[in-house]
Amino acid sequence: MDRIHSARNSTYQLIQSYNIDTETMTKNISKIIEIFTQTTNGFETESCLKLKEEQMGRFTTDNCYAQISTRIKYGLDGKYEIAVGEKAYFVTDYFQNDISSIVYEFFLGPLYFGVYETKCR
């Protein structure tokens, strides 16, 4: 919960972006942060926080970051896949391939946010 609180009180730091104009990306990041803030307001009562780290999985039922990313995804009308995690543990190798999709990543305090265009809906 400390990392979530820290992120809520941070400004974002863009890591990289591809195939999206700055205005649209900035608008989307603002919306992501707004949804993140709304989602994590009162988050202390979420059952995922009762799990030990080794008990956490990849689904909304057993991972707080999965809950957050799913709420952000649907808050953006499902247009993007969203990855949220602690930046000390989160690495993507997405950029080793040809990039033809909209992709952008940013830090919000100690958290990493990856935004990837959804090709099939």
N, C-alpha and C. Protein backbone atom coordinates (compact mmCIF):
# COMPACT_ATOMS: atom_id res chain seq x y z
N MET A 1 0.82 -1.19 0.00
CA MET A 1 0.00 0.00 0.00
C MET A 1 0.87 1.26 0.00
N ASP A 2 2.06 1.16 0.58
CA ASP A 2 2.96 2.32 0.59
C ASP A 2 3.32 2.78 -0.81
N ARG A 3 3.55 1.84 -1.71
CA ARG A 3 3.90 2.21 -3.09
C ARG A 3 2.72 2.84 -3.82
N ILE A 4 1.54 2.35 -3.54
CA ILE A 4 0.33 2.94 -4.14
C ILE A 4 0.15 4.36 -3.64
N HIS A 5 0.31 4.57 -2.34
CA HIS A 5 0.20 5.93 -1.79
C HIS A 5 1.26 6.85 -2.38
N SER A 6 2.47 6.34 -2.51
CA SER A 6 3.54 7.14 -3.08
C SER A 6 3.23 7.52 -4.52
N ALA A 7 2.72 6.57 -5.29
CA ALA A 7 2.37 6.85 -6.69
C ALA A 7 1.25 7.89 -6.77
N ARG A 8 0.29 7.81 -5.88
CA ARG A 8 -0.83 8.76 -5.88
C ARG A 8 -0.34 10.19 -5.66
N ASN A 9 0.79 10.35 -5.01
CA ASN A 9 1.33 11.68 -4.71
C ASN A 9 2.48 12.07 -5.62
N SER A 10 2.59 11.41 -6.76
CA SER A 10 3.71 11.65 -7.68
C SER A 10 3.22 12.24 -8.99
N THR A 11 4.15 12.81 -9.74
CA THR A 11 3.87 13.20 -11.11
C THR A 11 4.54 12.16 -12.01
N TYR A 12 3.97 11.96 -13.18
CA TYR A 12 4.50 10.91 -14.05
C TYR A 12 5.79 11.33 -14.73
N GLN A 13 6.57 10.31 -15.09
CA GLN A 13 7.81 10.49 -15.83
C GLN A 13 7.74 9.58 -17.04
N LEU A 14 7.65 10.15 -18.22
CA LEU A 14 7.57 9.37 -19.45
C LEU A 14 8.88 8.61 -19.68
N ILE A 15 8.75 7.34 -20.03
CA ILE A 15 9.91 6.52 -20.35
C ILE A 15 10.14 6.56 -21.87
N GLN A 16 9.09 6.19 -22.62
CA GLN A 16 9.18 6.19 -24.08
C GLN A 16 7.79 6.06 -24.67
N SER A 17 7.68 6.46 -25.93
CA SER A 17 6.40 6.34 -26.62
C SER A 17 6.65 6.11 -28.10
N TYR A 18 5.70 5.42 -28.73
CA TYR A 18 5.78 5.12 -30.16
C TYR A 18 4.39 5.24 -30.78
N ASN A 19 4.34 5.84 -31.96
CA ASN A 19 3.15 5.85 -32.81
C ASN A 19 1.94 6.53 -32.18
N ILE A 20 2.17 7.55 -31.38
CA ILE A 20 1.07 8.32 -30.79
C ILE A 20 1.54 9.77 -30.66
N ASP A 21 0.62 10.68 -30.95
CA ASP A 21 0.99 12.09 -30.82
C ASP A 21 0.98 12.50 -29.34
N THR A 22 1.78 13.49 -29.04
CA THR A 22 1.98 13.93 -27.65
C THR A 22 0.68 14.36 -26.99
N GLU A 23 -0.17 15.06 -27.71
CA GLU A 23 -1.42 15.55 -27.13
C GLU A 23 -2.33 14.40 -26.69
N THR A 24 -2.51 13.42 -27.57
CA THR A 24 -3.34 12.26 -27.24
C THR A 24 -2.74 11.47 -26.09
N MET A 25 -1.44 11.26 -26.14
CA MET A 25 -0.78 10.50 -25.08
C MET A 25 -0.92 11.21 -23.73
N THR A 26 -0.69 12.50 -23.71
CA THR A 26 -0.80 13.26 -22.46
C THR A 26 -2.22 13.21 -21.91
N LYS A 27 -3.20 13.30 -22.79
CA LYS A 27 -4.61 13.20 -22.37
C LYS A 27 -4.89 11.81 -21.79
N ASN A 28 -4.39 10.77 -22.45
CA ASN A 28 -4.59 9.40 -21.96
C ASN A 28 -3.89 9.17 -20.63
N ILE A 29 -2.67 9.68 -20.48
CA ILE A 29 -1.95 9.52 -19.21
C ILE A 29 -2.72 10.21 -18.09
N SER A 30 -3.25 11.39 -18.36
CA SER A 30 -4.05 12.08 -17.34
C SER A 30 -5.27 11.25 -16.95
N LYS A 31 -5.92 10.63 -17.93
CA LYS A 31 -7.08 9.77 -17.66
C LYS A 31 -6.65 8.53 -16.86
N ILE A 32 -5.52 7.94 -17.23
CA ILE A 32 -5.01 6.77 -16.51
C ILE A 32 -4.75 7.13 -15.05
N ILE A 33 -4.11 8.25 -14.82
CA ILE A 33 -3.81 8.68 -13.45
C ILE A 33 -5.11 8.96 -12.69
N GLU A 34 -6.08 9.55 -13.36
CA GLU A 34 -7.38 9.81 -12.72
C GLU A 34 -8.06 8.49 -12.31
N ILE A 35 -8.07 7.51 -13.22
CA ILE A 35 -8.68 6.21 -12.91
C ILE A 35 -7.89 5.51 -11.80
N PHE A 36 -6.57 5.58 -11.87
CA PHE A 36 -5.73 4.99 -10.83
C PHE A 36 -6.06 5.61 -9.46
N THR A 37 -6.17 6.91 -9.42
CA THR A 37 -6.46 7.61 -8.16
C THR A 37 -7.84 7.21 -7.63
N GLN A 38 -8.83 7.16 -8.51
CA GLN A 38 -10.18 6.75 -8.09
C GLN A 38 -10.19 5.30 -7.62
N THR A 39 -9.51 4.44 -8.36
CA THR A 39 -9.47 3.01 -8.04
C THR A 39 -8.80 2.75 -6.70
N THR A 40 -7.76 3.48 -6.41
CA THR A 40 -6.99 3.22 -5.20
C THR A 40 -7.46 4.04 -4.00
N ASN A 41 -8.48 4.86 -4.18
CA ASN A 41 -9.05 5.59 -3.06
C ASN A 41 -9.77 4.58 -2.15
N GLY A 42 -9.34 4.47 -0.91
CA GLY A 42 -9.91 3.48 0.00
C GLY A 42 -9.48 2.06 -0.29
N PHE A 43 -8.38 1.90 -0.98
CA PHE A 43 -7.90 0.59 -1.43
C PHE A 43 -7.45 -0.30 -0.27
N GLU A 44 -7.27 0.29 0.90
CA GLU A 44 -6.77 -0.44 2.06
C GLU A 44 -7.63 -1.65 2.42
N THR A 45 -8.89 -1.65 1.99
CA THR A 45 -9.80 -2.74 2.32
C THR A 45 -9.81 -3.87 1.29
N GLU A 46 -9.06 -3.74 0.21
CA GLU A 46 -9.05 -4.77 -0.83
C GLU A 46 -8.45 -6.07 -0.30
N SER A 47 -9.08 -7.17 -0.64
CA SER A 47 -8.62 -8.48 -0.14
C SER A 47 -7.23 -8.85 -0.65
N CYS A 48 -6.84 -8.33 -1.81
CA CYS A 48 -5.52 -8.67 -2.35
C CYS A 48 -4.39 -8.20 -1.44
N LEU A 49 -4.64 -7.19 -0.63
CA LEU A 49 -3.62 -6.69 0.28
C LEU A 49 -3.37 -7.62 1.46
N LYS A 50 -4.27 -8.56 1.66
CA LYS A 50 -4.12 -9.52 2.76
C LYS A 50 -3.22 -10.69 2.38
N LEU A 51 -2.90 -10.80 1.08
CA LEU A 51 -2.06 -11.90 0.61
C LEU A 51 -0.58 -11.59 0.81
N LYS A 52 0.19 -12.62 1.12
CA LYS A 52 1.64 -12.47 1.13
C LYS A 52 2.10 -12.44 -0.32
N GLU A 53 3.23 -11.83 -0.55
CA GLU A 53 3.72 -11.68 -1.92
C GLU A 53 3.81 -13.01 -2.66
N GLU A 54 4.26 -14.06 -1.98
CA GLU A 54 4.40 -15.37 -2.63
C GLU A 54 3.04 -16.02 -2.93
N GLN A 55 1.96 -15.51 -2.36
CA GLN A 55 0.61 -16.04 -2.63
C GLN A 55 -0.06 -15.33 -3.80
N MET A 56 0.51 -14.22 -4.23
CA MET A 56 -0.12 -13.44 -5.29
C MET A 56 0.04 -14.13 -6.64
N GLY A 57 -0.98 -13.95 -7.46
CA GLY A 57 -0.97 -14.52 -8.80
C GLY A 57 -1.04 -13.43 -9.85
N ARG A 58 -1.73 -13.74 -10.95
CA ARG A 58 -1.80 -12.82 -12.09
C ARG A 58 -3.22 -12.33 -12.36
N PHE A 59 -4.15 -12.67 -11.51
CA PHE A 59 -5.55 -12.37 -11.80
C PHE A 59 -6.09 -11.32 -10.84
N THR A 60 -7.23 -10.76 -11.18
CA THR A 60 -7.83 -9.70 -10.36
C THR A 60 -8.21 -10.20 -8.98
N THR A 61 -8.39 -11.49 -8.82
CA THR A 61 -8.76 -12.05 -7.53
C THR A 61 -7.58 -12.19 -6.58
N ASP A 62 -6.37 -12.20 -7.13
CA ASP A 62 -5.22 -12.44 -6.25
C ASP A 62 -4.03 -11.52 -6.53
N ASN A 63 -4.27 -10.38 -7.15
CA ASN A 63 -3.19 -9.45 -7.42
C ASN A 63 -3.74 -8.03 -7.50
N CYS A 64 -3.28 -7.16 -6.63
CA CYS A 64 -3.77 -5.78 -6.60
C CYS A 64 -3.47 -5.03 -7.90
N TYR A 65 -2.29 -5.25 -8.46
CA TYR A 65 -1.95 -4.54 -9.69
C TYR A 65 -2.81 -5.03 -10.86
N ALA A 66 -3.20 -6.29 -10.85
CA ALA A 66 -4.13 -6.79 -11.87
C ALA A 66 -5.48 -6.11 -11.74
N GLN A 67 -5.95 -5.90 -10.53
CA GLN A 67 -7.21 -5.17 -10.32
C GLN A 67 -7.11 -3.75 -10.87
N ILE A 68 -6.02 -3.08 -10.54
CA ILE A 68 -5.82 -1.70 -10.99
C ILE A 68 -5.74 -1.63 -12.50
N SER A 69 -4.93 -2.49 -13.12
CA SER A 69 -4.76 -2.43 -14.58
C SER A 69 -6.06 -2.76 -15.31
N THR A 70 -6.84 -3.68 -14.78
CA THR A 70 -8.12 -4.03 -15.42
C THR A 70 -9.09 -2.85 -15.36
N ARG A 71 -9.15 -2.18 -14.24
CA ARG A 71 -10.04 -1.02 -14.12
C ARG A 71 -9.60 0.11 -15.05
N ILE A 72 -8.30 0.30 -15.20
CA ILE A 72 -7.81 1.32 -16.13
C ILE A 72 -8.14 0.92 -17.56
N LYS A 73 -7.92 -0.34 -17.91
CA LYS A 73 -8.20 -0.81 -19.28
C LYS A 73 -9.64 -0.50 -19.67
N TYR A 74 -10.59 -0.84 -18.80
CA TYR A 74 -11.99 -0.62 -19.16
C TYR A 74 -12.39 0.84 -19.02
N GLY A 75 -11.64 1.59 -18.24
CA GLY A 75 -11.86 3.04 -18.19
C GLY A 75 -11.43 3.74 -19.46
N LEU A 76 -10.56 3.07 -20.22
CA LEU A 76 -10.11 3.56 -21.53
C LEU A 76 -10.84 2.82 -22.65
N ASP A 77 -11.99 2.28 -22.35
CA ASP A 77 -12.85 1.59 -23.32
C ASP A 77 -12.20 0.37 -23.96
N GLY A 78 -11.26 -0.25 -23.27
CA GLY A 78 -10.64 -1.47 -23.79
C GLY A 78 -9.74 -1.26 -24.99
N LYS A 79 -9.37 -0.02 -25.29
CA LYS A 79 -8.53 0.27 -26.46
C LYS A 79 -7.07 -0.11 -26.24
N TYR A 80 -6.68 -0.27 -24.98
CA TYR A 80 -5.28 -0.55 -24.65
C TYR A 80 -5.19 -1.64 -23.61
N GLU A 81 -4.14 -2.44 -23.70
CA GLU A 81 -3.77 -3.34 -22.62
C GLU A 81 -2.91 -2.51 -21.68
N ILE A 82 -3.11 -2.67 -20.40
CA ILE A 82 -2.40 -1.88 -19.40
C ILE A 82 -1.61 -2.81 -18.50
N ALA A 83 -0.35 -2.51 -18.31
CA ALA A 83 0.48 -3.24 -17.36
C ALA A 83 0.87 -2.28 -16.24
N VAL A 84 0.65 -2.71 -15.01
CA VAL A 84 1.01 -1.90 -13.84
C VAL A 84 1.82 -2.79 -12.91
N GLY A 85 2.91 -2.26 -12.42
CA GLY A 85 3.73 -3.02 -11.48
C GLY A 85 4.78 -2.14 -10.84
N GLU A 86 5.50 -2.72 -9.93
CA GLU A 86 6.56 -1.99 -9.25
C GLU A 86 7.76 -1.90 -10.17
N LYS A 87 8.27 -0.70 -10.38
CA LYS A 87 9.31 -0.53 -11.38
C LYS A 87 10.59 -1.29 -11.08
N ALA A 88 10.83 -1.61 -9.83
CA ALA A 88 12.02 -2.39 -9.49
C ALA A 88 11.94 -3.82 -10.01
N TYR A 89 10.72 -4.30 -10.29
CA TYR A 89 10.52 -5.69 -10.71
C TYR A 89 9.92 -5.82 -12.11
N PHE A 90 9.66 -4.73 -12.79
CA PHE A 90 8.93 -4.79 -14.04
C PHE A 90 9.81 -4.40 -15.21
N VAL A 91 10.01 -5.33 -16.13
CA VAL A 91 10.81 -5.08 -17.32
C VAL A 91 10.05 -5.63 -18.51
N THR A 92 10.00 -4.88 -19.60
CA THR A 92 9.38 -5.40 -20.81
C THR A 92 10.46 -5.52 -21.88
N ASP A 93 10.29 -6.48 -22.76
CA ASP A 93 11.20 -6.66 -23.87
C ASP A 93 10.46 -6.38 -25.18
N TYR A 94 9.37 -5.68 -25.07
CA TYR A 94 8.51 -5.38 -26.20
C TYR A 94 9.26 -4.67 -27.32
N PHE A 95 10.21 -3.86 -26.97
CA PHE A 95 10.82 -2.95 -27.93
C PHE A 95 11.94 -3.58 -28.73
N GLN A 96 12.15 -4.87 -28.58
CA GLN A 96 13.13 -5.56 -29.39
C GLN A 96 12.55 -5.90 -30.76
N ASN A 97 11.23 -5.78 -30.90
CA ASN A 97 10.56 -6.12 -32.15
C ASN A 97 10.22 -4.86 -32.93
N ASP A 98 9.75 -5.05 -34.14
CA ASP A 98 9.26 -3.93 -34.93
C ASP A 98 8.05 -3.33 -34.23
N ILE A 99 8.07 -2.04 -34.06
CA ILE A 99 6.97 -1.38 -33.35
C ILE A 99 6.08 -0.68 -34.36
N SER A 100 4.90 -1.24 -34.55
CA SER A 100 3.92 -0.62 -35.44
C SER A 100 2.66 -0.25 -34.69
N SER A 101 2.61 -0.55 -33.42
CA SER A 101 1.44 -0.26 -32.60
C SER A 101 1.71 0.95 -31.72
N ILE A 102 0.64 1.48 -31.16
CA ILE A 102 0.77 2.55 -30.16
C ILE A 102 1.27 1.91 -28.87
N VAL A 103 2.35 2.44 -28.36
CA VAL A 103 2.95 1.96 -27.12
C VAL A 103 3.50 3.17 -26.38
N TYR A 104 3.23 3.25 -25.08
CA TYR A 104 3.94 4.21 -24.25
C TYR A 104 4.03 3.68 -22.83
N GLU A 105 5.10 4.13 -22.17
CA GLU A 105 5.38 3.67 -20.82
C GLU A 105 5.75 4.88 -19.97
N PHE A 106 5.36 4.81 -18.70
CA PHE A 106 5.75 5.88 -17.79
C PHE A 106 5.84 5.35 -16.37
N PHE A 107 6.59 6.08 -15.57
CA PHE A 107 6.66 5.82 -14.13
C PHE A 107 5.73 6.80 -13.44
N LEU A 108 5.09 6.32 -12.40
CA LEU A 108 4.34 7.18 -11.49
C LEU A 108 4.86 6.84 -10.10
N GLY A 109 5.83 7.63 -9.66
CA GLY A 109 6.52 7.30 -8.41
C GLY A 109 7.19 5.94 -8.56
N PRO A 110 6.93 5.01 -7.63
CA PRO A 110 7.59 3.70 -7.68
C PRO A 110 6.90 2.70 -8.60
N LEU A 111 5.86 3.13 -9.31
CA LEU A 111 5.12 2.19 -10.16
C LEU A 111 5.41 2.42 -11.64
N TYR A 112 5.38 1.34 -12.38
CA TYR A 112 5.53 1.33 -13.83
C TYR A 112 4.15 1.17 -14.46
N PHE A 113 3.88 1.92 -15.53
CA PHE A 113 2.65 1.78 -16.31
C PHE A 113 3.05 1.58 -17.76
N GLY A 114 2.62 0.46 -18.36
CA GLY A 114 2.81 0.20 -19.77
C GLY A 114 1.47 0.22 -20.46
N VAL A 115 1.39 0.92 -21.58
CA VAL A 115 0.13 1.07 -22.32
C VAL A 115 0.38 0.56 -23.74
N TYR A 116 -0.39 -0.45 -24.15
CA TYR A 116 -0.17 -1.14 -25.42
C TYR A 116 -1.48 -1.20 -26.19
N GLU A 117 -1.46 -0.73 -27.40
CA GLU A 117 -2.66 -0.74 -28.24
C GLU A 117 -3.21 -2.15 -28.38
N THR A 118 -4.51 -2.29 -28.23
CA THR A 118 -5.18 -3.56 -28.41
C THR A 118 -5.52 -3.71 -29.89
N LYS A 119 -5.04 -4.78 -30.49
CA LYS A 119 -5.27 -5.00 -31.92
C LYS A 119 -6.60 -5.71 -32.19
N CYS A 120 -7.04 -6.52 -31.27
CA CYS A 120 -8.30 -7.23 -31.48
C CYS A 120 -9.28 -6.86 -30.36
N ARG A 121 -10.48 -6.52 -30.75
CA ARG A 121 -11.51 -6.14 -29.77
C ARG A 121 -12.82 -6.72 -30.17
